[in-house]
Amino acid sequence: MKKLNITTVIVFLILSIFKVQSQEEKVSQIQGKNEIKLNGFYLALGVAEISYERILNNESAVGISVNFDLEENNLYNFGVIPYYRLYFGKKKAAGFFIEGNAAVIADDPRPCYDCFLSPGPRESKLYFGLGVAAGGKFISRKGWVGEIFIGIGRFFGTNEYYHISELYPRVGISFGKRF
């Protein structure tokens, strides 16, 4: 009788180990290496920002955000922000992160009648900058992603004659899917 109980316990333990391993494989398949996200914070301000992120390993990822103006009263017309993130969470590419980014922004070519040296109509201008951000990313078992982040960057080559600031915000409440 004791041999039957010991055998049953051993078989049960072996089956449990296989079940746990198969569940871990399912989770890792759901949590792929690609993410597509939409920034809800910018969307509320009249700017659409869509991001693609590629996970390099458990602690880092690279991505690119593309934003464009949905309304005519915003300063920026179009922007591309590539970034690198370093994650400090226990899950793969999730938890607290810090980000380094670069920005290429095209401003709105609307007339600038309050500009000191060059009033009137003008052409769109490109601005380049570097910035940092920090935030947190949360992921569900089904691969849905939510993140919140805040940061700031600085443009190079701006001056007081254009209506664009020397600084650019990097803020978001994004939602998306990992695949």
N, C-alpha and C. Protein backbone atom coordinates (compact mmCIF):
# COMPACT_ATOMS: atom_id res chain seq x y z
N MET A 1 0.82 -1.19 0.00
CA MET A 1 0.00 0.00 0.00
C MET A 1 0.87 1.26 0.00
N LYS A 2 1.97 1.26 0.78
CA LYS A 2 2.84 2.42 0.84
C LYS A 2 3.52 2.65 -0.51
N LYS A 3 3.87 1.55 -1.23
CA LYS A 3 4.50 1.70 -2.55
C LYS A 3 3.55 2.37 -3.53
N LEU A 4 2.26 2.06 -3.43
CA LEU A 4 1.27 2.64 -4.32
C LEU A 4 1.14 4.14 -4.04
N ASN A 5 1.15 4.56 -2.79
CA ASN A 5 1.04 5.97 -2.42
C ASN A 5 2.28 6.75 -2.88
N ILE A 6 3.47 6.18 -2.69
CA ILE A 6 4.70 6.85 -3.10
C ILE A 6 4.73 6.99 -4.62
N THR A 7 4.35 5.96 -5.33
CA THR A 7 4.31 6.00 -6.80
C THR A 7 3.31 7.05 -7.28
N THR A 8 2.18 7.11 -6.65
CA THR A 8 1.16 8.10 -7.03
C THR A 8 1.69 9.52 -6.80
N VAL A 9 2.35 9.75 -5.69
CA VAL A 9 2.90 11.07 -5.40
C VAL A 9 3.97 11.44 -6.43
N ILE A 10 4.86 10.51 -6.78
CA ILE A 10 5.92 10.78 -7.76
C ILE A 10 5.32 11.09 -9.13
N VAL A 11 4.35 10.30 -9.56
CA VAL A 11 3.69 10.55 -10.85
C VAL A 11 3.00 11.91 -10.83
N PHE A 12 2.33 12.23 -9.74
CA PHE A 12 1.66 13.52 -9.61
C PHE A 12 2.66 14.68 -9.71
N LEU A 13 3.80 14.57 -9.04
CA LEU A 13 4.83 15.61 -9.09
C LEU A 13 5.39 15.79 -10.50
N ILE A 14 5.66 14.68 -11.17
CA ILE A 14 6.19 14.75 -12.54
C ILE A 14 5.18 15.42 -13.47
N LEU A 15 3.91 15.06 -13.37
CA LEU A 15 2.89 15.68 -14.20
C LEU A 15 2.72 17.16 -13.89
N SER A 16 2.86 17.52 -12.63
CA SER A 16 2.77 18.93 -12.24
C SER A 16 3.91 19.74 -12.86
N ILE A 17 5.11 19.19 -12.86
CA ILE A 17 6.26 19.88 -13.44
C ILE A 17 6.04 20.11 -14.94
N PHE A 18 5.55 19.09 -15.64
CA PHE A 18 5.28 19.24 -17.07
C PHE A 18 4.19 20.28 -17.33
N LYS A 19 3.18 20.32 -16.47
CA LYS A 19 2.11 21.30 -16.65
C LYS A 19 2.63 22.72 -16.45
N VAL A 20 3.46 22.94 -15.44
CA VAL A 20 4.03 24.27 -15.19
C VAL A 20 4.91 24.68 -16.38
N GLN A 21 5.72 23.78 -16.90
CA GLN A 21 6.56 24.11 -18.05
C GLN A 21 5.73 24.46 -19.27
N SER A 22 4.64 23.75 -19.51
CA SER A 22 3.81 24.05 -20.68
C SER A 22 3.11 25.40 -20.51
N GLN A 23 2.74 25.77 -19.28
CA GLN A 23 2.13 27.08 -19.05
C GLN A 23 3.16 28.19 -19.28
N GLU A 24 4.42 28.00 -18.86
CA GLU A 24 5.45 28.99 -19.09
C GLU A 24 5.71 29.18 -20.58
N GLU A 25 5.69 28.09 -21.35
CA GLU A 25 5.89 28.19 -22.78
C GLU A 25 4.75 28.96 -23.43
N LYS A 26 3.50 28.75 -22.98
CA LYS A 26 2.36 29.48 -23.52
C LYS A 26 2.51 30.98 -23.27
N VAL A 27 2.89 31.36 -22.04
CA VAL A 27 3.04 32.76 -21.71
C VAL A 27 4.13 33.39 -22.55
N SER A 28 5.26 32.69 -22.75
CA SER A 28 6.34 33.28 -23.53
C SER A 28 5.94 33.40 -25.00
N GLN A 29 5.09 32.50 -25.51
CA GLN A 29 4.62 32.62 -26.88
C GLN A 29 3.70 33.83 -27.02
N ILE A 30 2.84 34.05 -26.04
CA ILE A 30 1.94 35.20 -26.08
C ILE A 30 2.74 36.49 -25.98
N GLN A 31 3.73 36.50 -25.14
CA GLN A 31 4.56 37.68 -24.97
C GLN A 31 5.69 37.66 -25.99
N GLY A 32 5.38 37.94 -27.23
CA GLY A 32 6.35 37.93 -28.32
C GLY A 32 7.38 39.04 -28.19
N LYS A 33 8.00 39.39 -29.28
CA LYS A 33 9.06 40.39 -29.28
C LYS A 33 8.67 41.70 -29.94
N ASN A 34 7.41 41.84 -30.34
CA ASN A 34 6.94 43.05 -31.01
C ASN A 34 5.75 43.64 -30.28
N GLU A 35 5.66 44.98 -30.30
CA GLU A 35 4.52 45.67 -29.70
C GLU A 35 4.07 46.81 -30.60
N ILE A 36 2.78 47.00 -30.67
CA ILE A 36 2.17 48.16 -31.33
C ILE A 36 1.35 48.86 -30.26
N LYS A 37 1.53 50.21 -30.13
CA LYS A 37 0.84 50.95 -29.08
C LYS A 37 0.30 52.27 -29.62
N LEU A 38 -0.76 52.76 -28.99
CA LEU A 38 -1.36 54.06 -29.29
C LEU A 38 -1.33 54.89 -28.02
N ASN A 39 -0.85 56.13 -28.14
CA ASN A 39 -0.73 57.02 -26.99
C ASN A 39 -2.06 57.75 -26.79
N GLY A 40 -2.80 57.36 -25.77
CA GLY A 40 -4.09 57.96 -25.48
C GLY A 40 -3.99 59.38 -24.96
N PHE A 41 -2.91 59.72 -24.27
CA PHE A 41 -2.72 61.07 -23.74
C PHE A 41 -2.60 62.08 -24.89
N TYR A 42 -1.75 61.79 -25.85
CA TYR A 42 -1.59 62.69 -27.00
C TYR A 42 -2.86 62.74 -27.85
N LEU A 43 -3.55 61.61 -27.96
CA LEU A 43 -4.78 61.57 -28.74
C LEU A 43 -5.81 62.55 -28.16
N ALA A 44 -5.87 62.66 -26.85
CA ALA A 44 -6.77 63.60 -26.20
C ALA A 44 -6.38 65.05 -26.49
N LEU A 45 -5.11 65.29 -26.82
CA LEU A 45 -4.63 66.64 -27.14
C LEU A 45 -4.68 66.95 -28.63
N GLY A 46 -5.17 66.02 -29.44
CA GLY A 46 -5.28 66.26 -30.86
C GLY A 46 -4.08 65.82 -31.68
N VAL A 47 -3.26 64.96 -31.10
CA VAL A 47 -2.08 64.44 -31.80
C VAL A 47 -2.15 62.91 -31.76
N ALA A 48 -2.03 62.28 -32.90
CA ALA A 48 -2.00 60.82 -32.95
C ALA A 48 -0.56 60.35 -32.85
N GLU A 49 -0.27 59.48 -31.89
CA GLU A 49 1.07 58.91 -31.76
C GLU A 49 0.95 57.39 -31.74
N ILE A 50 1.60 56.76 -32.71
CA ILE A 50 1.62 55.30 -32.81
C ILE A 50 3.06 54.86 -32.63
N SER A 51 3.26 53.82 -31.81
CA SER A 51 4.61 53.34 -31.52
C SER A 51 4.75 51.87 -31.87
N TYR A 52 5.93 51.53 -32.34
CA TYR A 52 6.31 50.13 -32.55
C TYR A 52 7.55 49.89 -31.70
N GLU A 53 7.56 48.80 -30.94
CA GLU A 53 8.70 48.47 -30.09
C GLU A 53 9.14 47.04 -30.36
N ARG A 54 10.44 46.86 -30.49
CA ARG A 54 11.04 45.53 -30.69
C ARG A 54 11.84 45.19 -29.44
N ILE A 55 11.51 44.07 -28.81
CA ILE A 55 12.19 43.65 -27.59
C ILE A 55 13.47 42.93 -27.97
N LEU A 56 14.59 43.41 -27.45
CA LEU A 56 15.90 42.82 -27.73
C LEU A 56 16.21 41.65 -26.81
N ASN A 57 15.94 41.83 -25.51
CA ASN A 57 16.12 40.78 -24.51
C ASN A 57 15.21 41.10 -23.33
N ASN A 58 15.37 40.42 -22.21
CA ASN A 58 14.49 40.65 -21.06
C ASN A 58 14.59 42.05 -20.48
N GLU A 59 15.71 42.74 -20.72
CA GLU A 59 15.95 44.03 -20.08
C GLU A 59 15.98 45.22 -21.02
N SER A 60 15.90 45.03 -22.33
CA SER A 60 16.01 46.18 -23.22
C SER A 60 15.18 46.03 -24.47
N ALA A 61 14.88 47.19 -25.07
CA ALA A 61 14.08 47.23 -26.29
C ALA A 61 14.39 48.51 -27.05
N VAL A 62 14.14 48.49 -28.34
CA VAL A 62 14.24 49.68 -29.18
C VAL A 62 12.88 49.90 -29.81
N GLY A 63 12.59 51.15 -30.12
CA GLY A 63 11.29 51.44 -30.71
C GLY A 63 11.31 52.73 -31.48
N ILE A 64 10.19 53.00 -32.12
CA ILE A 64 10.02 54.24 -32.85
C ILE A 64 8.58 54.70 -32.68
N SER A 65 8.41 55.98 -32.41
CA SER A 65 7.09 56.59 -32.28
C SER A 65 6.93 57.58 -33.42
N VAL A 66 5.77 57.54 -34.05
CA VAL A 66 5.45 58.47 -35.12
C VAL A 66 4.21 59.23 -34.68
N ASN A 67 4.29 60.57 -34.71
CA ASN A 67 3.12 61.35 -34.34
C ASN A 67 2.82 62.38 -35.42
N PHE A 68 1.55 62.67 -35.55
CA PHE A 68 1.12 63.68 -36.51
C PHE A 68 -0.08 64.42 -35.95
N ASP A 69 -0.21 65.65 -36.40
CA ASP A 69 -1.22 66.57 -35.92
C ASP A 69 -2.59 66.22 -36.46
N LEU A 70 -3.59 66.16 -35.60
CA LEU A 70 -4.96 65.94 -36.03
C LEU A 70 -5.76 67.24 -36.07
N GLU A 71 -5.25 68.28 -35.43
CA GLU A 71 -5.92 69.58 -35.38
C GLU A 71 -4.96 70.66 -35.86
N GLU A 72 -5.49 71.78 -36.26
CA GLU A 72 -4.65 72.84 -36.81
C GLU A 72 -4.02 73.75 -35.76
N ASN A 73 -4.39 73.62 -34.51
CA ASN A 73 -3.89 74.54 -33.50
C ASN A 73 -2.66 74.03 -32.75
N ASN A 74 -2.09 72.92 -33.16
CA ASN A 74 -0.89 72.40 -32.51
C ASN A 74 0.36 72.95 -33.19
N LEU A 75 1.45 73.03 -32.44
CA LEU A 75 2.70 73.57 -32.99
C LEU A 75 3.40 72.59 -33.92
N TYR A 76 3.27 71.30 -33.65
CA TYR A 76 3.99 70.30 -34.43
C TYR A 76 3.10 69.72 -35.52
N ASN A 77 3.66 69.53 -36.69
CA ASN A 77 2.92 68.96 -37.81
C ASN A 77 3.16 67.45 -37.90
N PHE A 78 4.40 67.03 -37.70
CA PHE A 78 4.77 65.62 -37.84
C PHE A 78 6.03 65.38 -37.02
N GLY A 79 6.16 64.18 -36.45
CA GLY A 79 7.35 63.87 -35.67
C GLY A 79 7.68 62.39 -35.67
N VAL A 80 8.97 62.10 -35.58
CA VAL A 80 9.46 60.73 -35.47
C VAL A 80 10.42 60.71 -34.28
N ILE A 81 10.18 59.79 -33.35
CA ILE A 81 11.02 59.69 -32.14
C ILE A 81 11.49 58.25 -31.97
N PRO A 82 12.73 57.94 -32.39
CA PRO A 82 13.29 56.62 -32.07
C PRO A 82 13.76 56.62 -30.62
N TYR A 83 13.67 55.45 -29.96
CA TYR A 83 14.06 55.39 -28.56
C TYR A 83 14.68 54.04 -28.21
N TYR A 84 15.39 54.04 -27.09
CA TYR A 84 15.96 52.83 -26.49
C TYR A 84 15.50 52.80 -25.04
N ARG A 85 15.03 51.63 -24.59
CA ARG A 85 14.56 51.51 -23.20
C ARG A 85 15.31 50.41 -22.48
N LEU A 86 15.59 50.68 -21.22
CA LEU A 86 16.22 49.71 -20.31
C LEU A 86 15.21 49.43 -19.20
N TYR A 87 14.81 48.15 -19.06
CA TYR A 87 13.77 47.74 -18.11
C TYR A 87 14.37 47.14 -16.85
N PHE A 88 13.69 47.37 -15.72
CA PHE A 88 14.16 46.88 -14.43
C PHE A 88 13.13 45.98 -13.75
N GLY A 89 12.15 45.46 -14.48
CA GLY A 89 11.10 44.63 -13.90
C GLY A 89 11.46 43.16 -13.90
N LYS A 90 10.61 42.36 -13.29
CA LYS A 90 10.82 40.91 -13.24
C LYS A 90 10.32 40.23 -14.50
N LYS A 91 9.31 40.79 -15.16
CA LYS A 91 8.79 40.21 -16.40
C LYS A 91 9.64 40.69 -17.57
N LYS A 92 9.53 39.98 -18.67
CA LYS A 92 10.27 40.30 -19.88
C LYS A 92 9.85 41.66 -20.43
N ALA A 93 10.81 42.62 -20.48
CA ALA A 93 10.59 43.97 -21.01
C ALA A 93 9.34 44.60 -20.41
N ALA A 94 9.24 44.59 -19.08
CA ALA A 94 8.11 45.19 -18.38
C ALA A 94 8.59 45.72 -17.04
N GLY A 95 7.76 46.52 -16.40
CA GLY A 95 8.10 47.13 -15.12
C GLY A 95 8.66 48.53 -15.33
N PHE A 96 9.43 49.01 -14.36
CA PHE A 96 10.01 50.34 -14.44
C PHE A 96 11.04 50.39 -15.56
N PHE A 97 11.09 51.51 -16.30
CA PHE A 97 12.08 51.66 -17.36
C PHE A 97 12.60 53.08 -17.44
N ILE A 98 13.78 53.22 -18.01
CA ILE A 98 14.33 54.52 -18.39
C ILE A 98 14.52 54.50 -19.90
N GLU A 99 14.41 55.67 -20.50
CA GLU A 99 14.44 55.76 -21.96
C GLU A 99 15.34 56.89 -22.41
N GLY A 100 16.10 56.63 -23.45
CA GLY A 100 16.84 57.67 -24.16
C GLY A 100 16.22 57.78 -25.53
N ASN A 101 15.96 59.02 -26.00
CA ASN A 101 15.30 59.17 -27.29
C ASN A 101 15.91 60.30 -28.10
N ALA A 102 15.62 60.28 -29.37
CA ALA A 102 15.98 61.35 -30.29
C ALA A 102 14.69 61.78 -30.96
N ALA A 103 14.63 63.01 -31.42
CA ALA A 103 13.40 63.50 -32.04
C ALA A 103 13.72 64.23 -33.34
N VAL A 104 12.89 64.00 -34.32
CA VAL A 104 12.90 64.77 -35.56
C VAL A 104 11.47 65.26 -35.72
N ILE A 105 11.28 66.57 -35.60
CA ILE A 105 9.95 67.17 -35.59
C ILE A 105 9.86 68.21 -36.70
N ALA A 106 8.76 68.20 -37.45
CA ALA A 106 8.46 69.25 -38.43
C ALA A 106 7.40 70.14 -37.81
N ASP A 107 7.69 71.44 -37.76
CA ASP A 107 6.70 72.35 -37.17
C ASP A 107 5.65 72.74 -38.21
N ASP A 108 4.62 73.38 -37.73
CA ASP A 108 3.50 73.79 -38.57
C ASP A 108 3.92 75.03 -39.38
N PRO A 109 3.76 75.02 -40.70
CA PRO A 109 4.21 76.15 -41.50
C PRO A 109 3.22 77.31 -41.55
N ARG A 110 2.37 77.46 -40.56
CA ARG A 110 1.40 78.56 -40.58
C ARG A 110 2.13 79.90 -40.42
N PRO A 111 1.50 80.98 -40.83
CA PRO A 111 2.16 82.29 -40.73
C PRO A 111 2.50 82.64 -39.30
N CYS A 112 3.58 83.33 -39.14
CA CYS A 112 4.04 83.76 -37.81
C CYS A 112 4.09 85.28 -37.82
N TYR A 113 2.99 85.92 -37.46
CA TYR A 113 2.92 87.38 -37.52
C TYR A 113 3.50 88.05 -36.28
N ASP A 114 3.75 87.28 -35.24
CA ASP A 114 4.36 87.87 -34.06
C ASP A 114 5.87 87.61 -33.99
N CYS A 115 6.45 87.01 -35.04
CA CYS A 115 7.89 86.77 -35.07
C CYS A 115 8.61 88.10 -35.29
N PHE A 116 9.68 88.31 -34.61
CA PHE A 116 10.38 89.60 -34.61
C PHE A 116 11.04 89.91 -35.94
N LEU A 117 11.87 89.02 -36.49
CA LEU A 117 12.62 89.33 -37.70
C LEU A 117 11.98 88.84 -39.00
N SER A 118 11.16 87.81 -38.93
CA SER A 118 10.60 87.26 -40.17
C SER A 118 9.10 87.04 -40.05
N PRO A 119 8.31 88.13 -39.98
CA PRO A 119 6.86 87.95 -39.89
C PRO A 119 6.29 87.49 -41.23
N GLY A 120 5.08 86.94 -41.19
CA GLY A 120 4.39 86.53 -42.40
C GLY A 120 4.53 85.06 -42.67
N PRO A 121 4.13 84.66 -43.88
CA PRO A 121 4.19 83.23 -44.22
C PRO A 121 5.62 82.70 -44.19
N ARG A 122 5.75 81.43 -43.86
CA ARG A 122 7.07 80.82 -43.82
C ARG A 122 6.95 79.34 -44.12
N GLU A 123 8.08 78.69 -44.31
CA GLU A 123 8.10 77.27 -44.63
C GLU A 123 8.22 76.45 -43.36
N SER A 124 7.83 75.18 -43.47
CA SER A 124 8.00 74.26 -42.36
C SER A 124 9.48 74.02 -42.12
N LYS A 125 9.85 73.84 -40.86
CA LYS A 125 11.25 73.63 -40.51
C LYS A 125 11.39 72.35 -39.70
N LEU A 126 12.49 71.63 -39.89
CA LEU A 126 12.78 70.42 -39.13
C LEU A 126 13.62 70.76 -37.91
N TYR A 127 13.32 70.11 -36.80
CA TYR A 127 14.07 70.27 -35.57
C TYR A 127 14.57 68.91 -35.12
N PHE A 128 15.78 68.88 -34.59
CA PHE A 128 16.39 67.65 -34.09
C PHE A 128 16.68 67.82 -32.60
N GLY A 129 16.45 66.76 -31.82
CA GLY A 129 16.69 66.87 -30.40
C GLY A 129 16.98 65.53 -29.76
N LEU A 130 17.43 65.59 -28.50
CA LEU A 130 17.69 64.40 -27.68
C LEU A 130 16.96 64.56 -26.37
N GLY A 131 16.49 63.43 -25.80
CA GLY A 131 15.76 63.51 -24.56
C GLY A 131 15.82 62.23 -23.75
N VAL A 132 15.22 62.29 -22.57
CA VAL A 132 15.13 61.15 -21.66
C VAL A 132 13.71 61.05 -21.12
N ALA A 133 13.35 59.86 -20.68
CA ALA A 133 12.05 59.65 -20.07
C ALA A 133 12.15 58.47 -19.10
N ALA A 134 11.17 58.36 -18.25
CA ALA A 134 11.07 57.23 -17.30
C ALA A 134 9.60 56.88 -17.17
N GLY A 135 9.34 55.61 -16.87
CA GLY A 135 7.95 55.20 -16.73
C GLY A 135 7.82 53.76 -16.31
N GLY A 136 6.63 53.23 -16.49
CA GLY A 136 6.35 51.85 -16.15
C GLY A 136 5.50 51.19 -17.21
N LYS A 137 5.78 49.92 -17.46
CA LYS A 137 5.01 49.15 -18.43
C LYS A 137 4.40 47.95 -17.72
N PHE A 138 3.14 47.70 -18.03
CA PHE A 138 2.40 46.59 -17.44
C PHE A 138 1.89 45.71 -18.57
N ILE A 139 1.94 44.39 -18.37
CA ILE A 139 1.51 43.47 -19.42
C ILE A 139 0.61 42.40 -18.83
N SER A 140 -0.45 42.06 -19.56
CA SER A 140 -1.38 41.02 -19.11
C SER A 140 -0.91 39.66 -19.63
N ARG A 141 -1.53 38.62 -19.16
CA ARG A 141 -1.19 37.27 -19.60
C ARG A 141 -1.53 37.04 -21.07
N LYS A 142 -2.45 37.81 -21.59
CA LYS A 142 -2.85 37.66 -22.99
C LYS A 142 -2.05 38.57 -23.92
N GLY A 143 -1.10 39.31 -23.38
CA GLY A 143 -0.24 40.15 -24.21
C GLY A 143 -0.67 41.59 -24.38
N TRP A 144 -1.70 42.04 -23.66
CA TRP A 144 -2.10 43.44 -23.72
C TRP A 144 -1.13 44.27 -22.89
N VAL A 145 -0.76 45.42 -23.41
CA VAL A 145 0.26 46.26 -22.79
C VAL A 145 -0.33 47.61 -22.42
N GLY A 146 0.03 48.10 -21.26
CA GLY A 146 -0.30 49.46 -20.84
C GLY A 146 0.96 50.08 -20.26
N GLU A 147 1.19 51.35 -20.59
CA GLU A 147 2.37 52.01 -20.04
C GLU A 147 2.07 53.48 -19.78
N ILE A 148 2.82 54.00 -18.86
CA ILE A 148 2.74 55.42 -18.52
C ILE A 148 4.17 55.91 -18.40
N PHE A 149 4.45 57.07 -19.00
CA PHE A 149 5.81 57.60 -18.95
C PHE A 149 5.80 59.12 -19.04
N ILE A 150 6.89 59.71 -18.60
CA ILE A 150 7.06 61.16 -18.66
C ILE A 150 8.54 61.45 -18.86
N GLY A 151 8.80 62.47 -19.66
CA GLY A 151 10.17 62.85 -19.92
C GLY A 151 10.24 64.18 -20.65
N ILE A 152 11.46 64.57 -20.99
CA ILE A 152 11.68 65.85 -21.65
C ILE A 152 12.90 65.73 -22.56
N GLY A 153 12.90 66.52 -23.59
CA GLY A 153 14.03 66.56 -24.51
C GLY A 153 14.33 67.98 -24.92
N ARG A 154 15.48 68.16 -25.55
CA ARG A 154 15.90 69.50 -25.96
C ARG A 154 16.24 69.49 -27.45
N PHE A 155 15.68 70.48 -28.17
CA PHE A 155 16.01 70.64 -29.58
C PHE A 155 17.34 71.37 -29.72
N PHE A 156 18.05 71.08 -30.79
CA PHE A 156 19.30 71.77 -31.10
C PHE A 156 19.07 72.71 -32.27
N GLY A 157 19.66 73.89 -32.22
CA GLY A 157 19.59 74.84 -33.32
C GLY A 157 18.33 75.69 -33.35
N THR A 158 17.53 75.73 -32.28
CA THR A 158 16.36 76.60 -32.27
C THR A 158 16.79 78.00 -31.85
N ASN A 159 15.98 78.98 -32.18
CA ASN A 159 16.26 80.34 -31.73
C ASN A 159 14.95 81.05 -31.45
N GLU A 160 15.03 82.28 -30.97
CA GLU A 160 13.83 82.97 -30.53
C GLU A 160 12.97 83.48 -31.69
N TYR A 161 13.41 83.37 -32.91
CA TYR A 161 12.63 83.88 -34.03
C TYR A 161 11.57 82.90 -34.52
N TYR A 162 11.62 81.68 -34.05
CA TYR A 162 10.61 80.69 -34.43
C TYR A 162 9.72 80.43 -33.23
N HIS A 163 8.51 80.00 -33.50
CA HIS A 163 7.54 79.83 -32.42
C HIS A 163 7.68 78.50 -31.69
N ILE A 164 8.63 77.69 -32.05
CA ILE A 164 8.81 76.40 -31.38
C ILE A 164 9.71 76.57 -30.15
N SER A 165 9.44 75.83 -29.13
CA SER A 165 10.22 75.90 -27.89
C SER A 165 11.53 75.12 -28.06
N GLU A 166 12.47 75.38 -27.17
CA GLU A 166 13.71 74.61 -27.18
C GLU A 166 13.50 73.22 -26.59
N LEU A 167 12.41 73.02 -25.87
CA LEU A 167 12.14 71.75 -25.20
C LEU A 167 10.95 71.04 -25.85
N TYR A 168 10.97 69.72 -25.79
CA TYR A 168 9.81 68.95 -26.25
C TYR A 168 9.42 67.96 -25.16
N PRO A 169 8.11 67.75 -24.98
CA PRO A 169 7.66 66.80 -23.96
C PRO A 169 7.68 65.38 -24.49
N ARG A 170 7.90 64.44 -23.60
CA ARG A 170 7.78 63.01 -23.92
C ARG A 170 6.87 62.43 -22.84
N VAL A 171 5.58 62.44 -23.11
CA VAL A 171 4.57 62.06 -22.12
C VAL A 171 3.61 61.07 -22.77
N GLY A 172 3.16 60.08 -22.01
CA GLY A 172 2.21 59.16 -22.60
C GLY A 172 1.50 58.26 -21.62
N ILE A 173 0.30 57.92 -22.01
CA ILE A 173 -0.47 56.84 -21.40
C ILE A 173 -0.88 55.97 -22.59
N SER A 174 -0.10 54.94 -22.84
CA SER A 174 -0.25 54.14 -24.06
C SER A 174 -0.86 52.78 -23.78
N PHE A 175 -1.58 52.29 -24.77
CA PHE A 175 -2.19 50.97 -24.72
C PHE A 175 -1.88 50.25 -26.02
N GLY A 176 -1.65 48.94 -25.94
CA GLY A 176 -1.35 48.21 -27.15
C GLY A 176 -1.33 46.72 -26.95
N LYS A 177 -0.66 46.04 -27.86
CA LYS A 177 -0.63 44.59 -27.87
C LYS A 177 0.76 44.09 -28.19
N ARG A 178 1.22 43.11 -27.44
CA ARG A 178 2.49 42.44 -27.71
C ARG A 178 2.19 41.17 -28.50
N PHE A 179 2.94 40.96 -29.54
CA PHE A 179 2.73 39.77 -30.37
C PHE A 179 4.05 39.18 -30.81
